[in-house]
Amino acid sequence: LDAIEAAEPDALGVNGVAAALGVDQPRASKLVAAAVTAGLVRREAD
């Protein structure tokens, strides 16, 4: 959530989250999936 907010108004994808958090893409993907499952984030087509 912090990474997405910090990027605003620019859009952020999983790779952007990975870069912001300093983690690899698979780890970022798991974190994003947890945020989506929690109902805090949704995915949208660019």
ModelCIF file with pLDDT and N, C-alpha, C, O atoms, coordinates in Angstrom:
data_MODEL
#
_entry.id   MODEL 
#
_entity.id                         1 
_entity.type                       polymer 
_entity.pdbx_number_of_molecules   1 
#
_entity_poly.entity_id                      1 
_entity_poly.type                           'polypeptide(L)' 
_entity_poly.nstd_linkage                   no 
_entity_poly.nstd_monomer                   no 
_entity_poly.pdbx_seq_one_letter_code       LDAIEAAEPDALGVNGVAAALGVDQPRASKLVAAAVTAGLVRREAD 
_entity_poly.pdbx_seq_one_letter_code_can   LDAIEAAEPDALGVNGVAAALGVDQPRASKLVAAAVTAGLVRREAD 
_entity_poly.pdbx_strand_id                 A 
#
loop_
_entity_poly_seq.entity_id 
_entity_poly_seq.num 
_entity_poly_seq.mon_id 
_entity_poly_seq.hetero 
1 1  LEU n 
1 2  ASP n 
1 3  ALA n 
1 4  ILE n 
1 5  GLU n 
1 6  ALA n 
1 7  ALA n 
1 8  GLU n 
1 9  PRO n 
1 10 ASP n 
1 11 ALA n 
1 12 LEU n 
1 13 GLY n 
1 14 VAL n 
1 15 ASN n 
1 16 GLY n 
1 17 VAL n 
1 18 ALA n 
1 19 ALA n 
1 20 ALA n 
1 21 LEU n 
1 22 GLY n 
1 23 VAL n 
1 24 ASP n 
1 25 GLN n 
1 26 PRO n 
1 27 ARG n 
1 28 ALA n 
1 29 SER n 
1 30 LYS n 
1 31 LEU n 
1 32 VAL n 
1 33 ALA n 
1 34 ALA n 
1 35 ALA n 
1 36 VAL n 
1 37 THR n 
1 38 ALA n 
1 39 GLY n 
1 40 LEU n 
1 41 VAL n 
1 42 ARG n 
1 43 ARG n 
1 44 GLU n 
1 45 ALA n 
1 46 ASP n 
#
_struct_asym.id          A 
_struct_asym.entity_id   1 
#
loop_
_ma_qa_metric.id 
_ma_qa_metric.mode 
_ma_qa_metric.name 
_ma_qa_metric.software_group_id 
_ma_qa_metric.type 
1 global pLDDT . pLDDT 
2 local  pLDDT . pLDDT 
#
_ma_qa_metric_global.metric_id      1 
_ma_qa_metric_global.metric_value   94.17 
_ma_qa_metric_global.model_id       1 
_ma_qa_metric_global.ordinal_id     1 
#
loop_
_ma_qa_metric_local.label_asym_id 
_ma_qa_metric_local.label_comp_id 
_ma_qa_metric_local.label_seq_id 
_ma_qa_metric_local.metric_id 
_ma_qa_metric_local.metric_value 
_ma_qa_metric_local.model_id 
_ma_qa_metric_local.ordinal_id 
A LEU 1  2 93.00 1 1  
A ASP 2  2 91.00 1 2  
A ALA 3  2 93.00 1 3  
A ILE 4  2 96.00 1 4  
A GLU 5  2 95.00 1 5  
A ALA 6  2 93.00 1 6  
A ALA 7  2 95.00 1 7  
A GLU 8  2 94.00 1 8  
A PRO 9  2 92.00 1 9  
A ASP 10 2 91.00 1 10 
A ALA 11 2 89.00 1 11 
A LEU 12 2 94.00 1 12 
A GLY 13 2 95.00 1 13 
A VAL 14 2 96.00 1 14 
A ASN 15 2 95.00 1 15 
A GLY 16 2 96.00 1 16 
A VAL 17 2 96.00 1 17 
A ALA 18 2 95.00 1 18 
A ALA 19 2 95.00 1 19 
A ALA 20 2 93.00 1 20 
A LEU 21 2 90.00 1 21 
A GLY 22 2 90.00 1 22 
A VAL 23 2 92.00 1 23 
A ASP 24 2 95.00 1 24 
A GLN 25 2 95.00 1 25 
A PRO 26 2 96.00 1 26 
A ARG 27 2 95.00 1 27 
A ALA 28 2 96.00 1 28 
A SER 29 2 96.00 1 29 
A LYS 30 2 96.00 1 30 
A LEU 31 2 95.00 1 31 
A VAL 32 2 97.00 1 32 
A ALA 33 2 97.00 1 33 
A ALA 34 2 95.00 1 34 
A ALA 35 2 96.00 1 35 
A VAL 36 2 97.00 1 36 
A THR 37 2 96.00 1 37 
A ALA 38 2 94.00 1 38 
A GLY 39 2 96.00 1 39 
A LEU 40 2 96.00 1 40 
A VAL 41 2 97.00 1 41 
A ARG 42 2 97.00 1 42 
A ARG 43 2 96.00 1 43 
A GLU 44 2 94.00 1 44 
A ALA 45 2 89.00 1 45 
A ASP 46 2 82.00 1 46 
#
loop_
_atom_site.group_PDB 
_atom_site.id 
_atom_site.type_symbol 
_atom_site.label_atom_id 
_atom_site.label_alt_id 
_atom_site.label_comp_id 
_atom_site.label_asym_id 
_atom_site.label_entity_id 
_atom_site.label_seq_id 
_atom_site.pdbx_PDB_ins_code 
_atom_site.Cartn_x 
_atom_site.Cartn_y 
_atom_site.Cartn_z 
_atom_site.occupancy 
_atom_site.B_iso_or_equiv 
_atom_site.pdbx_formal_charge 
_atom_site.auth_seq_id 
_atom_site.auth_comp_id 
_atom_site.auth_asym_id 
_atom_site.auth_atom_id 
_atom_site.pdbx_PDB_model_num 
ATOM 1   N N  . LEU A 1 1  ? 0.832  -1.210  0.000   1.00 93.00 ? 1  LEU A N  1 
ATOM 2   C CA . LEU A 1 1  ? 0.000  0.000   0.000   1.00 93.00 ? 1  LEU A CA 1 
ATOM 3   C C  . LEU A 1 1  ? 0.863  1.255   0.000   1.00 93.00 ? 1  LEU A C  1 
ATOM 4   O O  . LEU A 1 1  ? 0.592  2.202   -0.738  1.00 93.00 ? 1  LEU A O  1 
ATOM 5   N N  . ASP A 1 2  ? 1.907  1.260   0.832   1.00 91.00 ? 2  ASP A N  1 
ATOM 6   C CA . ASP A 1 2  ? 2.812  2.409   0.890   1.00 91.00 ? 2  ASP A CA 1 
ATOM 7   C C  . ASP A 1 2  ? 3.477  2.655   -0.462  1.00 91.00 ? 2  ASP A C  1 
ATOM 8   O O  . ASP A 1 2  ? 3.617  3.802   -0.887  1.00 91.00 ? 2  ASP A O  1 
ATOM 9   N N  . ALA A 1 3  ? 3.887  1.579   -1.140  1.00 93.00 ? 3  ALA A N  1 
ATOM 10  C CA . ALA A 1 3  ? 4.554  1.714   -2.443  1.00 93.00 ? 3  ALA A CA 1 
ATOM 11  C C  . ALA A 1 3  ? 3.606  2.279   -3.489  1.00 93.00 ? 3  ALA A C  1 
ATOM 12  O O  . ALA A 1 3  ? 3.989  3.150   -4.270  1.00 93.00 ? 3  ALA A O  1 
ATOM 13  N N  . ILE A 1 4  ? 2.374  1.790   -3.508  1.00 96.00 ? 4  ILE A N  1 
ATOM 14  C CA . ILE A 1 4  ? 1.392  2.290   -4.479  1.00 96.00 ? 4  ILE A CA 1 
ATOM 15  C C  . ILE A 1 4  ? 1.109  3.757   -4.215  1.00 96.00 ? 4  ILE A C  1 
ATOM 16  O O  . ILE A 1 4  ? 1.056  4.560   -5.146  1.00 96.00 ? 4  ILE A O  1 
ATOM 17  N N  . GLU A 1 5  ? 0.928  4.107   -2.956  1.00 95.00 ? 5  GLU A N  1 
ATOM 18  C CA . GLU A 1 5  ? 0.649  5.503   -2.612  1.00 95.00 ? 5  GLU A CA 1 
ATOM 19  C C  . GLU A 1 5  ? 1.824  6.408   -2.974  1.00 95.00 ? 5  GLU A C  1 
ATOM 20  O O  . GLU A 1 5  ? 1.624  7.511   -3.484  1.00 95.00 ? 5  GLU A O  1 
ATOM 21  N N  . ALA A 1 6  ? 3.049  5.948   -2.713  1.00 93.00 ? 6  ALA A N  1 
ATOM 22  C CA . ALA A 1 6  ? 4.234  6.769   -3.004  1.00 93.00 ? 6  ALA A CA 1 
ATOM 23  C C  . ALA A 1 6  ? 4.386  7.029   -4.492  1.00 93.00 ? 6  ALA A C  1 
ATOM 24  O O  . ALA A 1 6  ? 4.931  8.060   -4.884  1.00 93.00 ? 6  ALA A O  1 
ATOM 25  N N  . ALA A 1 7  ? 3.914  6.112   -5.328  1.00 95.00 ? 7  ALA A N  1 
ATOM 26  C CA . ALA A 1 7  ? 4.040  6.270   -6.779  1.00 95.00 ? 7  ALA A CA 1 
ATOM 27  C C  . ALA A 1 7  ? 2.992  7.221   -7.350  1.00 95.00 ? 7  ALA A C  1 
ATOM 28  O O  . ALA A 1 7  ? 3.167  7.742   -8.452  1.00 95.00 ? 7  ALA A O  1 
ATOM 29  N N  . GLU A 1 8  ? 1.910  7.453   -6.616  1.00 94.00 ? 8  GLU A N  1 
ATOM 30  C CA . GLU A 1 8  ? 0.827  8.297   -7.136  1.00 94.00 ? 8  GLU A CA 1 
ATOM 31  C C  . GLU A 1 8  ? 1.348  9.666   -7.511  1.00 94.00 ? 8  GLU A C  1 
ATOM 32  O O  . GLU A 1 8  ? 2.176  10.220  -6.787  1.00 94.00 ? 8  GLU A O  1 
ATOM 33  N N  . PRO A 1 9  ? 0.894  10.233  -8.618  1.00 92.00 ? 9  PRO A N  1 
ATOM 34  C CA . PRO A 1 9  ? -0.244 9.820   -9.435  1.00 92.00 ? 9  PRO A CA 1 
ATOM 35  C C  . PRO A 1 9  ? 0.117  8.802   -10.515 1.00 92.00 ? 9  PRO A C  1 
ATOM 36  O O  . PRO A 1 9  ? -0.749 8.406   -11.296 1.00 92.00 ? 9  PRO A O  1 
ATOM 37  N N  . ASP A 1 10 ? 1.376  8.372   -10.575 1.00 91.00 ? 10 ASP A N  1 
ATOM 38  C CA . ASP A 1 10 ? 1.759  7.382   -11.580 1.00 91.00 ? 10 ASP A CA 1 
ATOM 39  C C  . ASP A 1 10 ? 1.224  6.010   -11.188 1.00 91.00 ? 10 ASP A C  1 
ATOM 40  O O  . ASP A 1 10 ? 1.068  5.697   -10.008 1.00 91.00 ? 10 ASP A O  1 
ATOM 41  N N  . ALA A 1 11 ? 0.949  5.207   -12.200 1.00 89.00 ? 11 ALA A N  1 
ATOM 42  C CA . ALA A 1 11 ? 0.474  3.841   -11.978 1.00 89.00 ? 11 ALA A CA 1 
ATOM 43  C C  . ALA A 1 11 ? 1.662  2.950   -11.636 1.00 89.00 ? 11 ALA A C  1 
ATOM 44  O O  . ALA A 1 11 ? 2.790  3.193   -12.063 1.00 89.00 ? 11 ALA A O  1 
ATOM 45  N N  . LEU A 1 12 ? 1.383  1.930   -10.867 1.00 94.00 ? 12 LEU A N  1 
ATOM 46  C CA . LEU A 1 12 ? 2.419  0.997   -10.446 1.00 94.00 ? 12 LEU A CA 1 
ATOM 47  C C  . LEU A 1 12 ? 1.922  -0.419  -10.693 1.00 94.00 ? 12 LEU A C  1 
ATOM 48  O O  . LEU A 1 12 ? 0.765  -0.738  -10.419 1.00 94.00 ? 12 LEU A O  1 
ATOM 49  N N  . GLY A 1 13 ? 2.798  -1.261  -11.210 1.00 95.00 ? 13 GLY A N  1 
ATOM 50  C CA . GLY A 1 13 ? 2.495  -2.676  -11.393 1.00 95.00 ? 13 GLY A CA 1 
ATOM 51  C C  . GLY A 1 13 ? 3.341  -3.491  -10.435 1.00 95.00 ? 13 GLY A C  1 
ATOM 52  O O  . GLY A 1 13 ? 4.013  -2.940  -9.563  1.00 95.00 ? 13 GLY A O  1 
ATOM 53  N N  . VAL A 1 14 ? 3.307  -4.793  -10.597 1.00 96.00 ? 14 VAL A N  1 
ATOM 54  C CA . VAL A 1 14 ? 4.057  -5.682  -9.709  1.00 96.00 ? 14 VAL A CA 1 
ATOM 55  C C  . VAL A 1 14 ? 5.549  -5.381  -9.792  1.00 96.00 ? 14 VAL A C  1 
ATOM 56  O O  . VAL A 1 14 ? 6.229  -5.365  -8.766  1.00 96.00 ? 14 VAL A O  1 
ATOM 57  N N  . ASN A 1 15 ? 6.070  -5.143  -10.996 1.00 95.00 ? 15 ASN A N  1 
ATOM 58  C CA . ASN A 1 15 ? 7.499  -4.841  -11.122 1.00 95.00 ? 15 ASN A CA 1 
ATOM 59  C C  . ASN A 1 15 ? 7.853  -3.544  -10.395 1.00 95.00 ? 15 ASN A C  1 
ATOM 60  O O  . ASN A 1 15 ? 8.934  -3.439  -9.815  1.00 95.00 ? 15 ASN A O  1 
ATOM 61  N N  . GLY A 1 16 ? 6.976  -2.579  -10.420 1.00 96.00 ? 16 GLY A N  1 
ATOM 62  C CA . GLY A 1 16 ? 7.194  -1.338  -9.684  1.00 96.00 ? 16 GLY A CA 1 
ATOM 63  C C  . GLY A 1 16 ? 7.198  -1.560  -8.183  1.00 96.00 ? 16 GLY A C  1 
ATOM 64  O O  . GLY A 1 16 ? 7.989  -0.953  -7.462  1.00 96.00 ? 16 GLY A O  1 
ATOM 65  N N  . VAL A 1 17 ? 6.320  -2.423  -7.716  1.00 96.00 ? 17 VAL A N  1 
ATOM 66  C CA . VAL A 1 17 ? 6.298  -2.774  -6.296  1.00 96.00 ? 17 VAL A CA 1 
ATOM 67  C C  . VAL A 1 17 ? 7.606  -3.467  -5.927  1.00 96.00 ? 17 VAL A C  1 
ATOM 68  O O  . VAL A 1 17 ? 8.189  -3.181  -4.881  1.00 96.00 ? 17 VAL A O  1 
ATOM 69  N N  . ALA A 1 18 ? 8.068  -4.379  -6.785  1.00 95.00 ? 18 ALA A N  1 
ATOM 70  C CA . ALA A 1 18 ? 9.332  -5.078  -6.531  1.00 95.00 ? 18 ALA A CA 1 
ATOM 71  C C  . ALA A 1 18 ? 10.472 -4.077  -6.386  1.00 95.00 ? 18 ALA A C  1 
ATOM 72  O O  . ALA A 1 18 ? 11.272 -4.167  -5.455  1.00 95.00 ? 18 ALA A O  1 
ATOM 73  N N  . ALA A 1 19 ? 10.541 -3.124  -7.309  1.00 95.00 ? 19 ALA A N  1 
ATOM 74  C CA . ALA A 1 19 ? 11.609 -2.114  -7.256  1.00 95.00 ? 19 ALA A CA 1 
ATOM 75  C C  . ALA A 1 19 ? 11.487 -1.253  -5.998  1.00 95.00 ? 19 ALA A C  1 
ATOM 76  O O  . ALA A 1 19 ? 12.483 -0.971  -5.333  1.00 95.00 ? 19 ALA A O  1 
ATOM 77  N N  . ALA A 1 20 ? 10.263 -0.840  -5.679  1.00 93.00 ? 20 ALA A N  1 
ATOM 78  C CA . ALA A 1 20 ? 10.052 0.035   -4.516  1.00 93.00 ? 20 ALA A CA 1 
ATOM 79  C C  . ALA A 1 20 ? 10.410 -0.660  -3.207  1.00 93.00 ? 20 ALA A C  1 
ATOM 80  O O  . ALA A 1 20 ? 10.921 -0.031  -2.280  1.00 93.00 ? 20 ALA A O  1 
ATOM 81  N N  . LEU A 1 21 ? 10.139 -1.958  -3.139  1.00 90.00 ? 21 LEU A N  1 
ATOM 82  C CA . LEU A 1 21 ? 10.390 -2.698  -1.896  1.00 90.00 ? 21 LEU A CA 1 
ATOM 83  C C  . LEU A 1 21 ? 11.753 -3.373  -1.859  1.00 90.00 ? 21 LEU A C  1 
ATOM 84  O O  . LEU A 1 21 ? 12.169 -3.897  -0.826  1.00 90.00 ? 21 LEU A O  1 
ATOM 85  N N  . GLY A 1 22 ? 12.447 -3.356  -2.995  1.00 90.00 ? 22 GLY A N  1 
ATOM 86  C CA . GLY A 1 22 ? 13.755 -3.996  -3.042  1.00 90.00 ? 22 GLY A CA 1 
ATOM 87  C C  . GLY A 1 22 ? 13.672 -5.506  -2.926  1.00 90.00 ? 22 GLY A C  1 
ATOM 88  O O  . GLY A 1 22 ? 14.520 -6.141  -2.300  1.00 90.00 ? 22 GLY A O  1 
ATOM 89  N N  . VAL A 1 23 ? 12.630 -6.079  -3.544  1.00 92.00 ? 23 VAL A N  1 
ATOM 90  C CA . VAL A 1 23 ? 12.468 -7.531  -3.536  1.00 92.00 ? 23 VAL A CA 1 
ATOM 91  C C  . VAL A 1 23 ? 12.401 -8.026  -4.978  1.00 92.00 ? 23 VAL A C  1 
ATOM 92  O O  . VAL A 1 23 ? 12.246 -7.231  -5.905  1.00 92.00 ? 23 VAL A O  1 
ATOM 93  N N  . ASP A 1 24 ? 12.518 -9.332  -5.163  1.00 95.00 ? 24 ASP A N  1 
ATOM 94  C CA . ASP A 1 24 ? 12.413 -9.861  -6.522  1.00 95.00 ? 24 ASP A CA 1 
ATOM 95  C C  . ASP A 1 24 ? 10.944 -9.919  -6.947  1.00 95.00 ? 24 ASP A C  1 
ATOM 96  O O  . ASP A 1 24 ? 10.037 -9.783  -6.126  1.00 95.00 ? 24 ASP A O  1 
ATOM 97  N N  . GLN A 1 25 ? 10.735 -10.123 -8.247  1.00 95.00 ? 25 GLN A N  1 
ATOM 98  C CA . GLN A 1 25 ? 9.387  -10.099 -8.802  1.00 95.00 ? 25 GLN A CA 1 
ATOM 99  C C  . GLN A 1 25 ? 8.480  -11.179 -8.207  1.00 95.00 ? 25 GLN A C  1 
ATOM 100 O O  . GLN A 1 25 ? 7.319  -10.886 -7.922  1.00 95.00 ? 25 GLN A O  1 
ATOM 101 N N  . PRO A 1 26 ? 8.953  -12.416 -8.006  1.00 96.00 ? 26 PRO A N  1 
ATOM 102 C CA . PRO A 1 26 ? 8.064  -13.412 -7.403  1.00 96.00 ? 26 PRO A CA 1 
ATOM 103 C C  . PRO A 1 26 ? 7.592  -13.028 -5.987  1.00 96.00 ? 26 PRO A C  1 
ATOM 104 O O  . PRO A 1 26 ? 6.434  -13.245 -5.629  1.00 96.00 ? 26 PRO A O  1 
ATOM 105 N N  . ARG A 1 27 ? 8.496  -12.462 -5.205  1.00 95.00 ? 27 ARG A N  1 
ATOM 106 C CA . ARG A 1 27 ? 8.108  -12.018 -3.848  1.00 95.00 ? 27 ARG A CA 1 
ATOM 107 C C  . ARG A 1 27 ? 7.101  -10.884 -3.936  1.00 95.00 ? 27 ARG A C  1 
ATOM 108 O O  . ARG A 1 27 ? 6.111  -10.881 -3.204  1.00 95.00 ? 27 ARG A O  1 
ATOM 109 N N  . ALA A 1 28 ? 7.337  -9.916  -4.826  1.00 96.00 ? 28 ALA A N  1 
ATOM 110 C CA . ALA A 1 28 ? 6.400  -8.812  -4.990  1.00 96.00 ? 28 ALA A CA 1 
ATOM 111 C C  . ALA A 1 28 ? 5.040  -9.331  -5.439  1.00 96.00 ? 28 ALA A C  1 
ATOM 112 O O  . ALA A 1 28 ? 4.005  -8.849  -4.979  1.00 96.00 ? 28 ALA A O  1 
ATOM 113 N N  . SER A 1 29 ? 5.042  -10.304 -6.328  1.00 96.00 ? 29 SER A N  1 
ATOM 114 C CA . SER A 1 29 ? 3.792  -10.876 -6.815  1.00 96.00 ? 29 SER A CA 1 
ATOM 115 C C  . SER A 1 29 ? 2.995  -11.499 -5.670  1.00 96.00 ? 29 SER A C  1 
ATOM 116 O O  . SER A 1 29 ? 1.773  -11.360 -5.620  1.00 96.00 ? 29 SER A O  1 
ATOM 117 N N  . LYS A 1 30 ? 3.675  -12.182 -4.755  1.00 96.00 ? 30 LYS A N  1 
ATOM 118 C CA . LYS A 1 30 ? 3.008  -12.783 -3.592  1.00 96.00 ? 30 LYS A CA 1 
ATOM 119 C C  . LYS A 1 30 ? 2.452  -11.704 -2.668  1.00 96.00 ? 30 LYS A C  1 
ATOM 120 O O  . LYS A 1 30 ? 1.342  -11.832 -2.152  1.00 96.00 ? 30 LYS A O  1 
ATOM 121 N N  . LEU A 1 31 ? 3.224  -10.645 -2.463  1.00 95.00 ? 31 LEU A N  1 
ATOM 122 C CA . LEU A 1 31 ? 2.760  -9.553  -1.607  1.00 95.00 ? 31 LEU A CA 1 
ATOM 123 C C  . LEU A 1 31 ? 1.544  -8.865  -2.212  1.00 95.00 ? 31 LEU A C  1 
ATOM 124 O O  . LEU A 1 31 ? 0.579  -8.560  -1.512  1.00 95.00 ? 31 LEU A O  1 
ATOM 125 N N  . VAL A 1 32 ? 1.601  -8.623  -3.522  1.00 97.00 ? 32 VAL A N  1 
ATOM 126 C CA . VAL A 1 32 ? 0.471  -7.990  -4.205  1.00 97.00 ? 32 VAL A CA 1 
ATOM 127 C C  . VAL A 1 32 ? -0.754 -8.900  -4.137  1.00 97.00 ? 32 VAL A C  1 
ATOM 128 O O  . VAL A 1 32 ? -1.864 -8.424  -3.902  1.00 97.00 ? 32 VAL A O  1 
ATOM 129 N N  . ALA A 1 33 ? -0.563 -10.201 -4.340  1.00 97.00 ? 33 ALA A N  1 
ATOM 130 C CA . ALA A 1 33 ? -1.678 -11.150 -4.266  1.00 97.00 ? 33 ALA A CA 1 
ATOM 131 C C  . ALA A 1 33 ? -2.327 -11.102 -2.884  1.00 97.00 ? 33 ALA A C  1 
ATOM 132 O O  . ALA A 1 33 ? -3.550 -11.172 -2.766  1.00 97.00 ? 33 ALA A O  1 
ATOM 133 N N  . ALA A 1 34 ? -1.507 -10.981 -1.840  1.00 95.00 ? 34 ALA A N  1 
ATOM 134 C CA . ALA A 1 34 ? -2.052 -10.888 -0.479  1.00 95.00 ? 34 ALA A CA 1 
ATOM 135 C C  . ALA A 1 34 ? -2.861 -9.600  -0.314  1.00 95.00 ? 34 ALA A C  1 
ATOM 136 O O  . ALA A 1 34 ? -3.906 -9.604  0.337   1.00 95.00 ? 34 ALA A O  1 
ATOM 137 N N  . ALA A 1 35 ? -2.388 -8.508  -0.893  1.00 96.00 ? 35 ALA A N  1 
ATOM 138 C CA . ALA A 1 35 ? -3.117 -7.241  -0.812  1.00 96.00 ? 35 ALA A CA 1 
ATOM 139 C C  . ALA A 1 35 ? -4.435 -7.318  -1.576  1.00 96.00 ? 35 ALA A C  1 
ATOM 140 O O  . ALA A 1 35 ? -5.451 -6.776  -1.139  1.00 96.00 ? 35 ALA A O  1 
ATOM 141 N N  . VAL A 1 36 ? -4.407 -7.996  -2.720  1.00 97.00 ? 36 VAL A N  1 
ATOM 142 C CA . VAL A 1 36 ? -5.633 -8.179  -3.513  1.00 97.00 ? 36 VAL A CA 1 
ATOM 143 C C  . VAL A 1 36 ? -6.613 -9.062  -2.737  1.00 97.00 ? 36 VAL A C  1 
ATOM 144 O O  . VAL A 1 36 ? -7.798 -8.741  -2.645  1.00 97.00 ? 36 VAL A O  1 
ATOM 145 N N  . THR A 1 37 ? -6.123 -10.165 -2.184  1.00 96.00 ? 37 THR A N  1 
ATOM 146 C CA . THR A 1 37 ? -6.973 -11.076 -1.406  1.00 96.00 ? 37 THR A CA 1 
ATOM 147 C C  . THR A 1 37 ? -7.587 -10.363 -0.208  1.00 96.00 ? 37 THR A C  1 
ATOM 148 O O  . THR A 1 37 ? -8.735 -10.626 0.149   1.00 96.00 ? 37 THR A O  1 
ATOM 149 N N  . ALA A 1 38 ? -6.828 -9.461  0.415   1.00 94.00 ? 38 ALA A N  1 
ATOM 150 C CA . ALA A 1 38 ? -7.325 -8.695  1.561   1.00 94.00 ? 38 ALA A CA 1 
ATOM 151 C C  . ALA A 1 38 ? -8.332 -7.628  1.152   1.00 94.00 ? 38 ALA A C  1 
ATOM 152 O O  . ALA A 1 38 ? -8.956 -7.001  2.008   1.00 94.00 ? 38 ALA A O  1 
ATOM 153 N N  . GLY A 1 39 ? -8.494 -7.417  -0.159  1.00 96.00 ? 39 GLY A N  1 
ATOM 154 C CA . GLY A 1 39 ? -9.451 -6.420  -0.643  1.00 96.00 ? 39 GLY A CA 1 
ATOM 155 C C  . GLY A 1 39 ? -8.936 -4.993  -0.571  1.00 96.00 ? 39 GLY A C  1 
ATOM 156 O O  . GLY A 1 39 ? -9.719 -4.044  -0.629  1.00 96.00 ? 39 GLY A O  1 
ATOM 157 N N  . LEU A 1 40 ? -7.623 -4.834  -0.445  1.00 96.00 ? 40 LEU A N  1 
ATOM 158 C CA . LEU A 1 40 ? -7.034 -3.506  -0.301  1.00 96.00 ? 40 LEU A CA 1 
ATOM 159 C C  . LEU A 1 40 ? -6.523 -2.948  -1.628  1.00 96.00 ? 40 LEU A C  1 
ATOM 160 O O  . LEU A 1 40 ? -6.321 -1.741  -1.765  1.00 96.00 ? 40 LEU A O  1 
ATOM 161 N N  . VAL A 1 41 ? -6.318 -3.826  -2.596  1.00 97.00 ? 41 VAL A N  1 
ATOM 162 C CA . VAL A 1 41 ? -5.788 -3.455  -3.911  1.00 97.00 ? 41 VAL A CA 1 
ATOM 163 C C  . VAL A 1 41 ? -6.563 -4.239  -4.958  1.00 97.00 ? 41 VAL A C  1 
ATOM 164 O O  . VAL A 1 41 ? -6.995 -5.366  -4.713  1.00 97.00 ? 41 VAL A O  1 
ATOM 165 N N  . ARG A 1 42 ? -6.734 -3.635  -6.118  1.00 97.00 ? 42 ARG A N  1 
ATOM 166 C CA . ARG A 1 42 ? -7.300 -4.374  -7.246  1.00 97.00 ? 42 ARG A CA 1 
ATOM 167 C C  . ARG A 1 42 ? -6.401 -4.169  -8.451  1.00 97.00 ? 42 ARG A C  1 
ATOM 168 O O  . ARG A 1 42 ? -5.693 -3.169  -8.565  1.00 97.00 ? 42 ARG A O  1 
ATOM 169 N N  . ARG A 1 43 ? -6.450 -5.135  -9.336  1.00 96.00 ? 43 ARG A N  1 
ATOM 170 C CA . ARG A 1 43 ? -5.676 -5.068  -10.581 1.00 96.00 ? 43 ARG A CA 1 
ATOM 171 C C  . ARG A 1 43 ? -6.573 -4.487  -11.663 1.00 96.00 ? 43 ARG A C  1 
ATOM 172 O O  . ARG A 1 43 ? -7.757 -4.812  -11.746 1.00 96.00 ? 43 ARG A O  1 
ATOM 173 N N  . GLU A 1 44 ? -5.989 -3.617  -12.496 1.00 94.00 ? 44 GLU A N  1 
ATOM 174 C CA . GLU A 1 44 ? -6.720 -3.043  -13.619 1.00 94.00 ? 44 GLU A CA 1 
ATOM 175 C C  . GLU A 1 44 ? -5.842 -3.101  -14.855 1.00 94.00 ? 44 GLU A C  1 
ATOM 176 O O  . GLU A 1 44 ? -4.618 -3.016  -14.760 1.00 94.00 ? 44 GLU A O  1 
ATOM 177 N N  . ALA A 1 45 ? -6.469 -3.246  -16.013 1.00 89.00 ? 45 ALA A N  1 
ATOM 178 C CA . ALA A 1 45 ? -5.723 -3.203  -17.269 1.00 89.00 ? 45 ALA A CA 1 
ATOM 179 C C  . ALA A 1 45 ? -5.213 -1.787  -17.484 1.00 89.00 ? 45 ALA A C  1 
ATOM 180 O O  . ALA A 1 45 ? -5.942 -0.816  -17.281 1.00 89.00 ? 45 ALA A O  1 
ATOM 181 N N  . ASP A 1 46 ? -3.965 -1.680  -17.893 1.00 82.00 ? 46 ASP A N  1 
ATOM 182 C CA . ASP A 1 46 ? -3.364 -0.380  -18.209 1.00 82.00 ? 46 ASP A CA 1 
ATOM 183 C C  . ASP A 1 46 ? -4.037 0.153   -19.467 1.00 82.00 ? 46 ASP A C  1 
ATOM 184 O O  . ASP A 1 46 ? -3.699 1.241   -19.935 1.00 82.00 ? 46 ASP A O  1 
#
